[in-house]
Amino acid sequence: MRRPKPPTKSHPEIEKTIAELKAWCDAGRGRQTEIAMFLDVSRQSVNDWLNRDANPMANTLFEIRDFLKEQRKK
């Protein structure tokens, strides 16, 4: 059974972070797996976030932001 989609009006910071994550993932093969391993979550969880079928937990959202910040430095 599929989880219900999150509310259509997510917090703007969640939307911004997920949009940045999607752009980063779309830029290279294997990136969903890379972020999933970094966050210690399943690749399916990352896929659900990117498809807006679920939202990451608050602490995970902060970890995603930190990860993306480090990726921008490279």
PDB file of N, CA and C in Angstrom:
ATOM      1  N   MET A   1       0.845  -1.184   0.000  1.00  0.00           N
ATOM      2  CA  MET A   1       0.000   0.000   0.000  1.00  0.00           C
ATOM      3  C   MET A   1       0.886   1.242   0.000  1.00  0.00           C
ATOM      4  N   ARG A   2       0.580   2.150  -0.851  1.00  0.00           N
ATOM      5  CA  ARG A   2       1.368   3.368  -1.026  1.00  0.00           C
ATOM      6  C   ARG A   2       0.984   4.390   0.031  1.00  0.00           C
ATOM      7  N   ARG A   3       2.001   5.093   0.545  1.00  0.00           N
ATOM      8  CA  ARG A   3       1.733   6.161   1.511  1.00  0.00           C
ATOM      9  C   ARG A   3       1.038   7.332   0.824  1.00  0.00           C
ATOM     10  N   PRO A   4       0.172   8.034   1.534  1.00  0.00           N
ATOM     11  CA  PRO A   4      -0.465   9.199   0.920  1.00  0.00           C
ATOM     12  C   PRO A   4       0.563  10.293   0.668  1.00  0.00           C
ATOM     13  N   LYS A   5       0.316  11.068  -0.376  1.00  0.00           N
ATOM     14  CA  LYS A   5       1.207  12.179  -0.688  1.00  0.00           C
ATOM     15  C   LYS A   5       1.148  13.212   0.426  1.00  0.00           C
ATOM     16  N   PRO A   6       2.267  13.944   0.635  1.00  0.00           N
ATOM     17  CA  PRO A   6       2.242  15.000   1.649  1.00  0.00           C
ATOM     18  C   PRO A   6       1.297  16.113   1.207  1.00  0.00           C
ATOM     19  N   PRO A   7       0.924  16.989   2.114  1.00  0.00           N
ATOM     20  CA  PRO A   7       0.047  18.094   1.724  1.00  0.00           C
ATOM     21  C   PRO A   7       0.639  18.858   0.554  1.00  0.00           C
ATOM     22  N   THR A   8      -0.222  19.345  -0.316  1.00  0.00           N
ATOM     23  CA  THR A   8       0.272  20.049  -1.496  1.00  0.00           C
ATOM     24  C   THR A   8       1.007  21.330  -1.128  1.00  0.00           C
ATOM     25  N   LYS A   9       0.717  21.898   0.020  1.00  0.00           N
ATOM     26  CA  LYS A   9       1.393  23.116   0.436  1.00  0.00           C
ATOM     27  C   LYS A   9       2.414  22.782   1.518  1.00  0.00           C
ATOM     28  N   SER A  10       3.601  22.350   1.088  1.00  0.00           N
ATOM     29  CA  SER A  10       4.679  22.109   2.030  1.00  0.00           C
ATOM     30  C   SER A  10       5.321  23.446   2.379  1.00  0.00           C
ATOM     31  N   HIS A  11       6.079  23.440   3.446  1.00  0.00           N
ATOM     32  CA  HIS A  11       6.802  24.637   3.849  1.00  0.00           C
ATOM     33  C   HIS A  11       7.748  25.038   2.712  1.00  0.00           C
ATOM     34  N   PRO A  12       7.868  26.332   2.421  1.00  0.00           N
ATOM     35  CA  PRO A  12       8.727  26.785   1.317  1.00  0.00           C
ATOM     36  C   PRO A  12      10.181  26.304   1.439  1.00  0.00           C
ATOM     37  N   GLU A  13      10.696  26.170   2.642  1.00  0.00           N
ATOM     38  CA  GLU A  13      12.080  25.705   2.813  1.00  0.00           C
ATOM     39  C   GLU A  13      12.221  24.242   2.407  1.00  0.00           C
ATOM     40  N   ILE A  14      11.182  23.450   2.668  1.00  0.00           N
ATOM     41  CA  ILE A  14      11.217  22.045   2.236  1.00  0.00           C
ATOM     42  C   ILE A  14      11.218  22.003   0.716  1.00  0.00           C
ATOM     43  N   GLU A  15      10.330  22.758   0.119  1.00  0.00           N
ATOM     44  CA  GLU A  15      10.237  22.781  -1.344  1.00  0.00           C
ATOM     45  C   GLU A  15      11.553  23.229  -1.971  1.00  0.00           C
ATOM     46  N   LYS A  16      12.168  24.252  -1.414  1.00  0.00           N
ATOM     47  CA  LYS A  16      13.436  24.773  -1.941  1.00  0.00           C
ATOM     48  C   LYS A  16      14.533  23.722  -1.830  1.00  0.00           C
ATOM     49  N   THR A  17      14.635  23.086  -0.681  1.00  0.00           N
ATOM     50  CA  THR A  17      15.682  22.088  -0.467  1.00  0.00           C
ATOM     51  C   THR A  17      15.491  20.885  -1.386  1.00  0.00           C
ATOM     52  N   ILE A  18      14.261  20.426  -1.526  1.00  0.00           N
ATOM     53  CA  ILE A  18      13.999  19.273  -2.401  1.00  0.00           C
ATOM     54  C   ILE A  18      14.264  19.642  -3.857  1.00  0.00           C
ATOM     55  N   ALA A  19      13.930  20.854  -4.263  1.00  0.00           N
ATOM     56  CA  ALA A  19      14.214  21.294  -5.637  1.00  0.00           C
ATOM     57  C   ALA A  19      15.727  21.312  -5.886  1.00  0.00           C
ATOM     58  N   GLU A  20      16.497  21.780  -4.908  1.00  0.00           N
ATOM     59  CA  GLU A  20      17.950  21.788  -5.043  1.00  0.00           C
ATOM     60  C   GLU A  20      18.496  20.360  -5.093  1.00  0.00           C
ATOM     61  N   LEU A  21      17.933  19.482  -4.260  1.00  0.00           N
ATOM     62  CA  LEU A  21      18.360  18.090  -4.262  1.00  0.00           C
ATOM     63  C   LEU A  21      18.036  17.438  -5.602  1.00  0.00           C
ATOM     64  N   LYS A  22      16.857  17.707  -6.132  1.00  0.00           N
ATOM     65  CA  LYS A  22      16.470  17.144  -7.427  1.00  0.00           C
ATOM     66  C   LYS A  22      17.414  17.608  -8.529  1.00  0.00           C
ATOM     67  N   ALA A  23      17.746  18.888  -8.527  1.00  0.00           N
ATOM     68  CA  ALA A  23      18.666  19.411  -9.537  1.00  0.00           C
ATOM     69  C   ALA A  23      20.028  18.729  -9.421  1.00  0.00           C
ATOM     70  N   TRP A  24      20.502  18.540  -8.182  1.00  0.00           N
ATOM     71  CA  TRP A  24      21.797  17.887  -7.977  1.00  0.00           C
ATOM     72  C   TRP A  24      21.732  16.435  -8.456  1.00  0.00           C
ATOM     73  N   CYS A  25      20.675  15.725  -8.106  1.00  0.00           N
ATOM     74  CA  CYS A  25      20.527  14.328  -8.518  1.00  0.00           C
ATOM     75  C   CYS A  25      20.413  14.199 -10.031  1.00  0.00           C
ATOM     76  N   ASP A  26      19.703  15.116 -10.661  1.00  0.00           N
ATOM     77  CA  ASP A  26      19.508  15.064 -12.110  1.00  0.00           C
ATOM     78  C   ASP A  26      20.803  15.337 -12.879  1.00  0.00           C
ATOM     79  N   ALA A  27      21.785  15.938 -12.214  1.00  0.00           N
ATOM     80  CA  ALA A  27      23.027  16.319 -12.881  1.00  0.00           C
ATOM     81  C   ALA A  27      24.002  15.160 -13.080  1.00  0.00           C
ATOM     82  N   GLY A  28      23.731  14.015 -12.487  1.00  0.00           N
ATOM     83  CA  GLY A  28      24.664  12.904 -12.653  1.00  0.00           C
ATOM     84  C   GLY A  28      24.073  11.566 -12.284  1.00  0.00           C
ATOM     85  N   ARG A  29      24.552  10.549 -12.968  1.00  0.00           N
ATOM     86  CA  ARG A  29      24.097   9.177 -12.727  1.00  0.00           C
ATOM     87  C   ARG A  29      24.566   8.697 -11.350  1.00  0.00           C
ATOM     88  N   GLY A  30      23.677   8.007 -10.632  1.00  0.00           N
ATOM     89  CA  GLY A  30      24.038   7.418  -9.355  1.00  0.00           C
ATOM     90  C   GLY A  30      23.955   8.351  -8.162  1.00  0.00           C
ATOM     91  N   ARG A  31      23.453   9.539  -8.367  1.00  0.00           N
ATOM     92  CA  ARG A  31      23.435  10.503  -7.277  1.00  0.00           C
ATOM     93  C   ARG A  31      22.356  10.217  -6.238  1.00  0.00           C
ATOM     94  N   GLN A  32      21.243   9.644  -6.624  1.00  0.00           N
ATOM     95  CA  GLN A  32      20.238   9.273  -5.617  1.00  0.00           C
ATOM     96  C   GLN A  32      20.825   8.236  -4.665  1.00  0.00           C
ATOM     97  N   THR A  33      21.588   7.324  -5.203  1.00  0.00           N
ATOM     98  CA  THR A  33      22.235   6.320  -4.367  1.00  0.00           C
ATOM     99  C   THR A  33      23.267   6.968  -3.457  1.00  0.00           C
ATOM    100  N   GLU A  34      24.029   7.907  -3.991  1.00  0.00           N
ATOM    101  CA  GLU A  34      25.054   8.593  -3.203  1.00  0.00           C
ATOM    102  C   GLU A  34      24.450   9.331  -2.014  1.00  0.00           C
ATOM    103  N   ILE A  35      23.389  10.104  -2.237  1.00  0.00           N
ATOM    104  CA  ILE A  35      22.776  10.855  -1.135  1.00  0.00           C
ATOM    105  C   ILE A  35      22.095   9.894  -0.161  1.00  0.00           C
ATOM    106  N   ALA A  36      21.507   8.818  -0.674  1.00  0.00           N
ATOM    107  CA  ALA A  36      20.875   7.823   0.207  1.00  0.00           C
ATOM    108  C   ALA A  36      21.907   7.199   1.141  1.00  0.00           C
ATOM    109  N   MET A  37      23.058   6.854   0.604  1.00  0.00           N
ATOM    110  CA  MET A  37      24.118   6.269   1.430  1.00  0.00           C
ATOM    111  C   MET A  37      24.620   7.282   2.456  1.00  0.00           C
ATOM    112  N   PHE A  38      24.786   8.524   2.030  1.00  0.00           N
ATOM    113  CA  PHE A  38      25.250   9.570   2.948  1.00  0.00           C
ATOM    114  C   PHE A  38      24.280   9.752   4.108  1.00  0.00           C
ATOM    115  N   LEU A  39      22.985   9.745   3.797  1.00  0.00           N
ATOM    116  CA  LEU A  39      21.955   9.975   4.811  1.00  0.00           C
ATOM    117  C   LEU A  39      21.574   8.701   5.562  1.00  0.00           C
ATOM    118  N   ASP A  40      22.048   7.566   5.095  1.00  0.00           N
ATOM    119  CA  ASP A  40      21.698   6.264   5.666  1.00  0.00           C
ATOM    120  C   ASP A  40      20.186   6.014   5.592  1.00  0.00           C
ATOM    121  N   VAL A  41      19.651   6.270   4.402  1.00  0.00           N
ATOM    122  CA  VAL A  41      18.240   5.998   4.105  1.00  0.00           C
ATOM    123  C   VAL A  41      18.204   5.173   2.823  1.00  0.00           C
ATOM    124  N   SER A  42      17.053   4.638   2.494  1.00  0.00           N
ATOM    125  CA  SER A  42      16.937   3.868   1.256  1.00  0.00           C
ATOM    126  C   SER A  42      16.891   4.808   0.055  1.00  0.00           C
ATOM    127  N   ARG A  43      17.298   4.260  -1.088  1.00  0.00           N
ATOM    128  CA  ARG A  43      17.204   5.041  -2.319  1.00  0.00           C
ATOM    129  C   ARG A  43      15.741   5.336  -2.638  1.00  0.00           C
ATOM    130  N   GLN A  44      14.858   4.418  -2.231  1.00  0.00           N
ATOM    131  CA  GLN A  44      13.423   4.634  -2.440  1.00  0.00           C
ATOM    132  C   GLN A  44      12.935   5.846  -1.661  1.00  0.00           C
ATOM    133  N   SER A  45      13.456   6.068  -0.455  1.00  0.00           N
ATOM    134  CA  SER A  45      13.074   7.261   0.317  1.00  0.00           C
ATOM    135  C   SER A  45      13.457   8.522  -0.434  1.00  0.00           C
ATOM    136  N   VAL A  46      14.680   8.531  -0.963  1.00  0.00           N
ATOM    137  CA  VAL A  46      15.130   9.699  -1.744  1.00  0.00           C
ATOM    138  C   VAL A  46      14.223   9.889  -2.946  1.00  0.00           C
ATOM    139  N   ASN A  47      13.922   8.794  -3.634  1.00  0.00           N
ATOM    140  CA  ASN A  47      13.046   8.865  -4.796  1.00  0.00           C
ATOM    141  C   ASN A  47      11.669   9.401  -4.415  1.00  0.00           C
ATOM    142  N   ASP A  48      11.145   8.965  -3.279  1.00  0.00           N
ATOM    143  CA  ASP A  48       9.842   9.464  -2.812  1.00  0.00           C
ATOM    144  C   ASP A  48       9.889  10.967  -2.557  1.00  0.00           C
ATOM    145  N   TRP A  49      10.981  11.457  -1.975  1.00  0.00           N
ATOM    146  CA  TRP A  49      11.100  12.902  -1.729  1.00  0.00           C
ATOM    147  C   TRP A  49      11.122  13.652  -3.047  1.00  0.00           C
ATOM    148  N   LEU A  50      11.924  13.154  -3.989  1.00  0.00           N
ATOM    149  CA  LEU A  50      12.070  13.844  -5.277  1.00  0.00           C
ATOM    150  C   LEU A  50      10.766  13.852  -6.067  1.00  0.00           C
ATOM    151  N   ASN A  51       9.977  12.795  -5.923  1.00  0.00           N
ATOM    152  CA  ASN A  51       8.680  12.719  -6.616  1.00  0.00           C
ATOM    153  C   ASN A  51       7.552  13.347  -5.802  1.00  0.00           C
ATOM    154  N   ARG A  52       7.905  13.887  -4.640  1.00  0.00           N
ATOM    155  CA  ARG A  52       6.967  14.569  -3.741  1.00  0.00           C
ATOM    156  C   ARG A  52       5.892  13.623  -3.222  1.00  0.00           C
ATOM    157  N   ASP A  53       6.282  12.339  -3.068  1.00  0.00           N
ATOM    158  CA  ASP A  53       5.392  11.362  -2.453  1.00  0.00           C
ATOM    159  C   ASP A  53       5.557  11.338  -0.939  1.00  0.00           C
ATOM    160  N   ALA A  54       6.621  11.966  -0.441  1.00  0.00           N
ATOM    161  CA  ALA A  54       6.903  12.017   0.995  1.00  0.00           C
ATOM    162  C   ALA A  54       7.835  13.196   1.258  1.00  0.00           C
ATOM    163  N   ASN A  55       7.900  13.603   2.501  1.00  0.00           N
ATOM    164  CA  ASN A  55       8.844  14.638   2.922  1.00  0.00           C
ATOM    165  C   ASN A  55       9.867  14.024   3.856  1.00  0.00           C
ATOM    166  N   PRO A  56      11.112  14.501   3.776  1.00  0.00           N
ATOM    167  CA  PRO A  56      12.105  14.017   4.738  1.00  0.00           C
ATOM    168  C   PRO A  56      11.793  14.551   6.131  1.00  0.00           C
ATOM    169  N   MET A  57      12.277  13.837   7.148  1.00  0.00           N
ATOM    170  CA  MET A  57      12.150  14.310   8.528  1.00  0.00           C
ATOM    171  C   MET A  57      12.982  15.591   8.665  1.00  0.00           C
ATOM    172  N   ALA A  58      12.676  16.398   9.670  1.00  0.00           N
ATOM    173  CA  ALA A  58      13.357  17.688   9.852  1.00  0.00           C
ATOM    174  C   ALA A  58      14.869  17.518   9.969  1.00  0.00           C
ATOM    175  N   ASN A  59      15.329  16.562  10.783  1.00  0.00           N
ATOM    176  CA  ASN A  59      16.772  16.395  10.937  1.00  0.00           C
ATOM    177  C   ASN A  59      17.427  15.969   9.628  1.00  0.00           C
ATOM    178  N   THR A  60      16.727  15.172   8.827  1.00  0.00           N
ATOM    179  CA  THR A  60      17.247  14.759   7.524  1.00  0.00           C
ATOM    180  C   THR A  60      17.311  15.948   6.579  1.00  0.00           C
ATOM    181  N   LEU A  61      16.348  16.834   6.670  1.00  0.00           N
ATOM    182  CA  LEU A  61      16.348  18.031   5.835  1.00  0.00           C
ATOM    183  C   LEU A  61      17.594  18.860   6.092  1.00  0.00           C
ATOM    184  N   PHE A  62      17.979  18.996   7.357  1.00  0.00           N
ATOM    185  CA  PHE A  62      19.198  19.739   7.690  1.00  0.00           C
ATOM    186  C   PHE A  62      20.432  19.033   7.136  1.00  0.00           C
ATOM    187  N   GLU A  63      20.444  17.709   7.202  1.00  0.00           N
ATOM    188  CA  GLU A  63      21.567  16.946   6.655  1.00  0.00           C
ATOM    189  C   GLU A  63      21.653  17.112   5.141  1.00  0.00           C
ATOM    190  N   ILE A  64      20.509  17.146   4.465  1.00  0.00           N
ATOM    191  CA  ILE A  64      20.488  17.356   3.010  1.00  0.00           C
ATOM    192  C   ILE A  64      21.076  18.719   2.695  1.00  0.00           C
ATOM    193  N   ARG A  65      20.672  19.739   3.436  1.00  0.00           N
ATOM    194  CA  ARG A  65      21.206  21.088   3.208  1.00  0.00           C
ATOM    195  C   ARG A  65      22.722  21.118   3.374  1.00  0.00           C
ATOM    196  N   ASP A  66      23.214  20.487   4.445  1.00  0.00           N
ATOM    197  CA  ASP A  66      24.661  20.447   4.682  1.00  0.00           C
ATOM    198  C   ASP A  66      25.381  19.723   3.551  1.00  0.00           C
ATOM    199  N   PHE A  67      24.804  18.608   3.104  1.00  0.00           N
ATOM    200  CA  PHE A  67      25.391  17.839   2.016  1.00  0.00           C
ATOM    201  C   PHE A  67      25.467  18.686   0.749  1.00  0.00           C
ATOM    202  N   LEU A  68      24.381  19.355   0.400  1.00  0.00           N
ATOM    203  CA  LEU A  68      24.363  20.171  -0.812  1.00  0.00           C
ATOM    204  C   LEU A  68      25.337  21.344  -0.712  1.00  0.00           C
ATOM    205  N   LYS A  69      25.462  21.898   0.465  1.00  0.00           N
ATOM    206  CA  LYS A  69      26.414  22.994   0.682  1.00  0.00           C
ATOM    207  C   LYS A  69      27.833  22.503   0.395  1.00  0.00           C
ATOM    208  N   GLU A  70      28.170  21.326   0.882  1.00  0.00           N
ATOM    209  CA  GLU A  70      29.498  20.753   0.630  1.00  0.00           C
ATOM    210  C   GLU A  70      29.696  20.445  -0.853  1.00  0.00           C
ATOM    211  N   GLN A  71      28.642  19.984  -1.521  1.00  0.00           N
ATOM    212  CA  GLN A  71      28.753  19.675  -2.946  1.00  0.00           C
ATOM    213  C   GLN A  71      29.008  20.933  -3.776  1.00  0.00           C
ATOM    214  N   ARG A  72      28.440  22.049  -3.359  1.00  0.00           N
ATOM    215  CA  ARG A  72      28.646  23.315  -4.088  1.00  0.00           C
ATOM    216  C   ARG A  72      30.090  23.784  -3.981  1.00  0.00           C
ATOM    217  N   LYS A  73      30.767  23.415  -2.897  1.00  0.00           N
ATOM    218  CA  LYS A  73      32.166  23.807  -2.700  1.00  0.00           C
ATOM    219  C   LYS A  73      33.119  23.057  -3.626  1.00  0.00           C
ATOM    220  N   LYS A  74      32.677  21.888  -4.117  1.00  0.00           N
ATOM    221  CA  LYS A  74      33.558  21.046  -4.952  1.00  0.00           C
ATOM    222  C   LYS A  74      33.686  21.595  -6.351  1.00  0.00           C
TER     223      LYS A  74
END
